Amino acid sequence: MSLPVIHRGFAIERIYPTTPARVFRALSDPQKKRRWFAEGEGFEVESYTLDFRVGGFERTRFRPTGGPPMTTDAVYLDIAADERVVFAYAMTVGGAPMSSSLGTMELTPTASGTRLLFTEHTAFVDGQDGSEGRREGSLGLLEALAKELETHG
C-alpha cells in the first residue's frame, strides 16, 4: 500500500534593498544561482546545472555533510523578466521520492527596493509532513539570496 500524499503550502515575503532586475539576475544567472541556492553551509554539491528559460531545467545533486544523496529537479513553467518565475520541482532523498512542488517568485518594486513573494504548494509523497522543514529551508535560501545580492549584486 502506498503512503498518503500530504499537501501543504506557504508564502514568504521578503524585501531586498535593490532593483527587481538585480534580484532577477540572481535567480537567472547560473553562477549567481549556484552560489546562493546550491552551495549552502553543511552541504556538498556534486553537480548543478541551470537552463533558465520556459521549459528549461535546473538540476542539483547534493548531500548534507555525512548524509544521504539528495536531488532537486525543476522545470521552469513561466518567466517574466524582472517580474516573476513559476517552476515545478521534485526532490528525492537517498534515491526515494520525497516531494513535488509548484513554486512562484514574484518581484514587485517598492520604495525601499524589491518585494519578493515566494509561494510554494507541496505534495509530500514519502508519508512525512515536511512542511516545517521546507519553510525553514526556504527562509534560509532567501537569506542566502540576500547575502548574494549584498556581496555580488
C-alpha atoms as a PDB file:
ATOM      1  CA  MET A   1       0.000   0.000   0.000  1.00  0.00           C
ATOM      2  CA  SER A   2       1.379   3.420  -0.947  1.00  0.00           C
ATOM      3  CA  LEU A   3       1.876   6.207   1.556  1.00  0.00           C
ATOM      4  CA  PRO A   4      -0.676   9.032   1.761  1.00  0.00           C
ATOM      5  CA  VAL A   5       0.171  12.295  -0.017  1.00  0.00           C
ATOM      6  CA  ILE A   6       0.387  15.229   2.373  1.00  0.00           C
ATOM      7  CA  HIS A   7      -0.493  18.576   0.770  1.00  0.00           C
ATOM      8  CA  ARG A   8       0.879  21.781   2.274  1.00  0.00           C
ATOM      9  CA  GLY A   9       1.586  25.346   1.219  1.00  0.00           C
ATOM     10  CA  PHE A  10       3.145  28.556   2.475  1.00  0.00           C
ATOM     11  CA  ALA A  11       4.160  32.026   1.381  1.00  0.00           C
ATOM     12  CA  ILE A  12       7.149  34.118   2.436  1.00  0.00           C
ATOM     13  CA  GLU A  13       7.580  37.814   1.750  1.00  0.00           C
ATOM     14  CA  ARG A  14      10.992  39.460   1.752  1.00  0.00           C
ATOM     15  CA  ILE A  15      12.168  42.969   0.860  1.00  0.00           C
ATOM     16  CA  TYR A  16      15.589  43.320  -0.781  1.00  0.00           C
ATOM     17  CA  PRO A  17      17.159  46.810  -0.931  1.00  0.00           C
ATOM     18  CA  THR A  18      17.883  46.623  -4.656  1.00  0.00           C
ATOM     19  CA  THR A  19      16.107  46.654  -8.008  1.00  0.00           C
ATOM     20  CA  PRO A  20      13.908  43.860  -9.388  1.00  0.00           C
ATOM     21  CA  ALA A  21      16.431  43.492 -12.249  1.00  0.00           C
ATOM     22  CA  ARG A  22      19.257  42.671  -9.809  1.00  0.00           C
ATOM     23  CA  VAL A  23      17.098  40.159  -7.918  1.00  0.00           C
ATOM     24  CA  PHE A  24      16.021  38.581 -11.204  1.00  0.00           C
ATOM     25  CA  ARG A  25      19.681  38.227 -12.290  1.00  0.00           C
ATOM     26  CA  ALA A  26      20.397  36.345  -9.041  1.00  0.00           C
ATOM     27  CA  LEU A  27      17.549  33.961  -9.947  1.00  0.00           C
ATOM     28  CA  SER A  28      18.533  33.518 -13.595  1.00  0.00           C
ATOM     29  CA  ASP A  29      22.344  33.650 -13.804  1.00  0.00           C
ATOM     30  CA  PRO A  30      23.795  30.123 -13.328  1.00  0.00           C
ATOM     31  CA  GLN A  31      26.890  31.267 -11.411  1.00  0.00           C
ATOM     32  CA  LYS A  32      24.947  33.538  -9.053  1.00  0.00           C
ATOM     33  CA  LYS A  33      22.141  30.997  -8.513  1.00  0.00           C
ATOM     34  CA  ARG A  34      24.584  28.170  -7.756  1.00  0.00           C
ATOM     35  CA  ARG A  35      26.302  30.280  -5.078  1.00  0.00           C
ATOM     36  CA  TRP A  36      23.183  31.108  -3.073  1.00  0.00           C
ATOM     37  CA  PHE A  37      20.964  28.119  -3.907  1.00  0.00           C
ATOM     38  CA  ALA A  38      23.245  25.076  -4.064  1.00  0.00           C
ATOM     39  CA  GLU A  39      26.395  25.907  -2.081  1.00  0.00           C
ATOM     40  CA  GLY A  40      24.976  26.227   1.433  1.00  0.00           C
ATOM     41  CA  GLU A  41      27.000  25.563   4.558  1.00  0.00           C
ATOM     42  CA  GLY A  42      26.800  21.911   5.585  1.00  0.00           C
ATOM     43  CA  PHE A  43      26.084  20.655   2.054  1.00  0.00           C
ATOM     44  CA  GLU A  44      28.328  19.077  -0.569  1.00  0.00           C
ATOM     45  CA  VAL A  45      27.346  19.869  -4.166  1.00  0.00           C
ATOM     46  CA  GLU A  46      28.000  17.008  -6.579  1.00  0.00           C
ATOM     47  CA  SER A  47      26.567  18.786  -9.641  1.00  0.00           C
ATOM     48  CA  TYR A  48      24.467  21.797 -10.577  1.00  0.00           C
ATOM     49  CA  THR A  49      23.025  22.863 -13.935  1.00  0.00           C
ATOM     50  CA  LEU A  50      20.660  25.684 -14.853  1.00  0.00           C
ATOM     51  CA  ASP A  51      18.915  26.236 -18.202  1.00  0.00           C
ATOM     52  CA  PHE A  52      16.857  29.304 -17.328  1.00  0.00           C
ATOM     53  CA  ARG A  53      14.090  29.518 -19.939  1.00  0.00           C
ATOM     54  CA  VAL A  54      10.480  28.381 -20.159  1.00  0.00           C
ATOM     55  CA  GLY A  55      10.744  24.595 -20.476  1.00  0.00           C
ATOM     56  CA  GLY A  56      14.339  24.672 -19.189  1.00  0.00           C
ATOM     57  CA  PHE A  57      15.613  22.573 -16.302  1.00  0.00           C
ATOM     58  CA  GLU A  58      17.524  23.164 -13.098  1.00  0.00           C
ATOM     59  CA  ARG A  59      19.180  20.111 -11.571  1.00  0.00           C
ATOM     60  CA  THR A  60      21.026  19.869  -8.280  1.00  0.00           C
ATOM     61  CA  ARG A  61      22.772  16.787  -6.903  1.00  0.00           C
ATOM     62  CA  PHE A  62      23.952  17.278  -3.325  1.00  0.00           C
ATOM     63  CA  ARG A  63      24.137  15.781   0.130  1.00  0.00           C
ATOM     64  CA  PRO A  64      24.241  17.077   3.660  1.00  0.00           C
ATOM     65  CA  THR A  65      27.729  16.523   5.046  1.00  0.00           C
ATOM     66  CA  GLY A  66      27.745  12.835   6.045  1.00  0.00           C
ATOM     67  CA  GLY A  67      24.135  12.394   4.886  1.00  0.00           C
ATOM     68  CA  PRO A  68      22.307  10.633   2.053  1.00  0.00           C
ATOM     69  CA  PRO A  69      22.390  11.865  -1.536  1.00  0.00           C
ATOM     70  CA  MET A  70      19.605  14.278  -2.447  1.00  0.00           C
ATOM     71  CA  THR A  71      18.305  15.616  -5.746  1.00  0.00           C
ATOM     72  CA  THR A  72      16.241  18.561  -6.881  1.00  0.00           C
ATOM     73  CA  ASP A  73      14.904  18.554 -10.450  1.00  0.00           C
ATOM     74  CA  ALA A  74      12.999  21.650 -11.569  1.00  0.00           C
ATOM     75  CA  VAL A  75      11.347  22.814 -14.782  1.00  0.00           C
ATOM     76  CA  TYR A  76      10.540  26.461 -15.499  1.00  0.00           C
ATOM     77  CA  LEU A  77       6.885  26.928 -16.461  1.00  0.00           C
ATOM     78  CA  ASP A  78       6.629  30.716 -16.802  1.00  0.00           C
ATOM     79  CA  ILE A  79       9.183  33.528 -16.747  1.00  0.00           C
ATOM     80  CA  ALA A  80       8.509  37.268 -16.968  1.00  0.00           C
ATOM     81  CA  ALA A  81      11.819  39.146 -16.810  1.00  0.00           C
ATOM     82  CA  ASP A  82      12.210  41.199 -13.624  1.00  0.00           C
ATOM     83  CA  GLU A  83       8.653  40.218 -12.540  1.00  0.00           C
ATOM     84  CA  ARG A  84       8.115  36.517 -11.865  1.00  0.00           C
ATOM     85  CA  VAL A  85       9.309  32.937 -12.147  1.00  0.00           C
ATOM     86  CA  VAL A  86       6.980  29.920 -11.946  1.00  0.00           C
ATOM     87  CA  PHE A  87       8.526  26.466 -11.592  1.00  0.00           C
ATOM     88  CA  ALA A  88       7.743  22.898 -10.599  1.00  0.00           C
ATOM     89  CA  TYR A  89      10.266  20.678  -8.854  1.00  0.00           C
ATOM     90  CA  ALA A  90      10.681  17.249  -7.307  1.00  0.00           C
ATOM     91  CA  MET A  91      13.058  16.197  -4.541  1.00  0.00           C
ATOM     92  CA  THR A  92      14.493  12.813  -3.611  1.00  0.00           C
ATOM     93  CA  VAL A  93      16.426  11.639  -0.554  1.00  0.00           C
ATOM     94  CA  GLY A  94      18.598   8.540  -0.817  1.00  0.00           C
ATOM     95  CA  GLY A  95      17.023   7.834  -4.216  1.00  0.00           C
ATOM     96  CA  ALA A  96      13.442   7.773  -2.839  1.00  0.00           C
ATOM     97  CA  PRO A  97      10.858  10.386  -3.867  1.00  0.00           C
ATOM     98  CA  MET A  98      10.194  12.944  -1.128  1.00  0.00           C
ATOM     99  CA  SER A  99       8.059  15.711  -2.646  1.00  0.00           C
ATOM    100  CA  SER A 100       6.791  17.562  -5.686  1.00  0.00           C
ATOM    101  CA  SER A 101       6.132  21.297  -5.592  1.00  0.00           C
ATOM    102  CA  LEU A 102       4.825  24.237  -7.555  1.00  0.00           C
ATOM    103  CA  GLY A 103       6.603  27.478  -6.689  1.00  0.00           C
ATOM    104  CA  THR A 104       6.391  31.109  -7.705  1.00  0.00           C
ATOM    105  CA  MET A 105       8.695  34.036  -7.086  1.00  0.00           C
ATOM    106  CA  GLU A 106       7.005  37.360  -7.730  1.00  0.00           C
ATOM    107  CA  LEU A 107       9.078  40.564  -7.798  1.00  0.00           C
ATOM    108  CA  THR A 108       7.464  43.958  -7.184  1.00  0.00           C
ATOM    109  CA  PRO A 109       9.299  47.285  -6.968  1.00  0.00           C
ATOM    110  CA  THR A 110       8.800  49.160  -3.694  1.00  0.00           C
ATOM    111  CA  ALA A 111      10.022  52.472  -2.285  1.00  0.00           C
ATOM    112  CA  SER A 112      12.765  50.583  -0.419  1.00  0.00           C
ATOM    113  CA  GLY A 113      13.761  48.080  -3.127  1.00  0.00           C
ATOM    114  CA  THR A 114      12.109  44.873  -4.285  1.00  0.00           C
ATOM    115  CA  ARG A 115       9.387  42.824  -2.633  1.00  0.00           C
ATOM    116  CA  LEU A 116       9.866  39.119  -3.346  1.00  0.00           C
ATOM    117  CA  LEU A 117       6.837  36.950  -2.635  1.00  0.00           C
ATOM    118  CA  PHE A 118       7.737  33.260  -2.660  1.00  0.00           C
ATOM    119  CA  THR A 119       4.776  30.876  -2.646  1.00  0.00           C
ATOM    120  CA  GLU A 120       5.063  27.077  -2.623  1.00  0.00           C
ATOM    121  CA  HIS A 121       2.460  24.318  -2.792  1.00  0.00           C
ATOM    122  CA  THR A 122       3.938  20.915  -1.963  1.00  0.00           C
ATOM    123  CA  ALA A 123       2.794  17.302  -2.169  1.00  0.00           C
ATOM    124  CA  PHE A 124       4.925  15.233   0.226  1.00  0.00           C
ATOM    125  CA  VAL A 125       4.848  11.663  -1.116  1.00  0.00           C
ATOM    126  CA  ASP A 126       7.074   9.980   1.480  1.00  0.00           C
ATOM    127  CA  GLY A 127       4.395   9.888   4.186  1.00  0.00           C
ATOM    128  CA  GLN A 128       6.128  12.641   6.183  1.00  0.00           C
ATOM    129  CA  ASP A 129       4.804  16.158   6.685  1.00  0.00           C
ATOM    130  CA  GLY A 130       7.972  18.039   5.795  1.00  0.00           C
ATOM    131  CA  SER A 131       6.277  21.430   5.600  1.00  0.00           C
ATOM    132  CA  GLU A 132       8.039  22.939   8.626  1.00  0.00           C
ATOM    133  CA  GLY A 133      11.460  21.938   7.325  1.00  0.00           C
ATOM    134  CA  ARG A 134      10.609  23.099   3.806  1.00  0.00           C
ATOM    135  CA  ARG A 135       9.545  26.530   5.044  1.00  0.00           C
ATOM    136  CA  GLU A 136      12.669  26.828   7.219  1.00  0.00           C
ATOM    137  CA  GLY A 137      14.847  25.753   4.291  1.00  0.00           C
ATOM    138  CA  SER A 138      13.165  28.344   2.075  1.00  0.00           C
ATOM    139  CA  LEU A 139      13.770  31.065   4.669  1.00  0.00           C
ATOM    140  CA  GLY A 140      17.442  30.052   4.697  1.00  0.00           C
ATOM    141  CA  LEU A 141      17.631  30.191   0.908  1.00  0.00           C
ATOM    142  CA  LEU A 142      16.045  33.658   0.810  1.00  0.00           C
ATOM    143  CA  GLU A 143      18.604  34.799   3.393  1.00  0.00           C
ATOM    144  CA  ALA A 144      21.377  33.321   1.213  1.00  0.00           C
ATOM    145  CA  LEU A 145      19.896  35.283  -1.710  1.00  0.00           C
ATOM    146  CA  ALA A 146      20.152  38.465   0.403  1.00  0.00           C
ATOM    147  CA  LYS A 147      23.836  37.756   1.062  1.00  0.00           C
ATOM    148  CA  GLU A 148      24.415  37.081  -2.657  1.00  0.00           C
ATOM    149  CA  LEU A 149      22.851  40.446  -3.509  1.00  0.00           C
ATOM    150  CA  GLU A 150      24.977  42.219  -0.869  1.00  0.00           C
ATOM    151  CA  THR A 151      28.213  40.513  -1.892  1.00  0.00           C
ATOM    152  CA  HIS A 152      27.991  40.004  -5.658  1.00  0.00           C
ATOM    153  CA  GLY A 153      24.991  42.097  -6.715  1.00  0.00           C
END
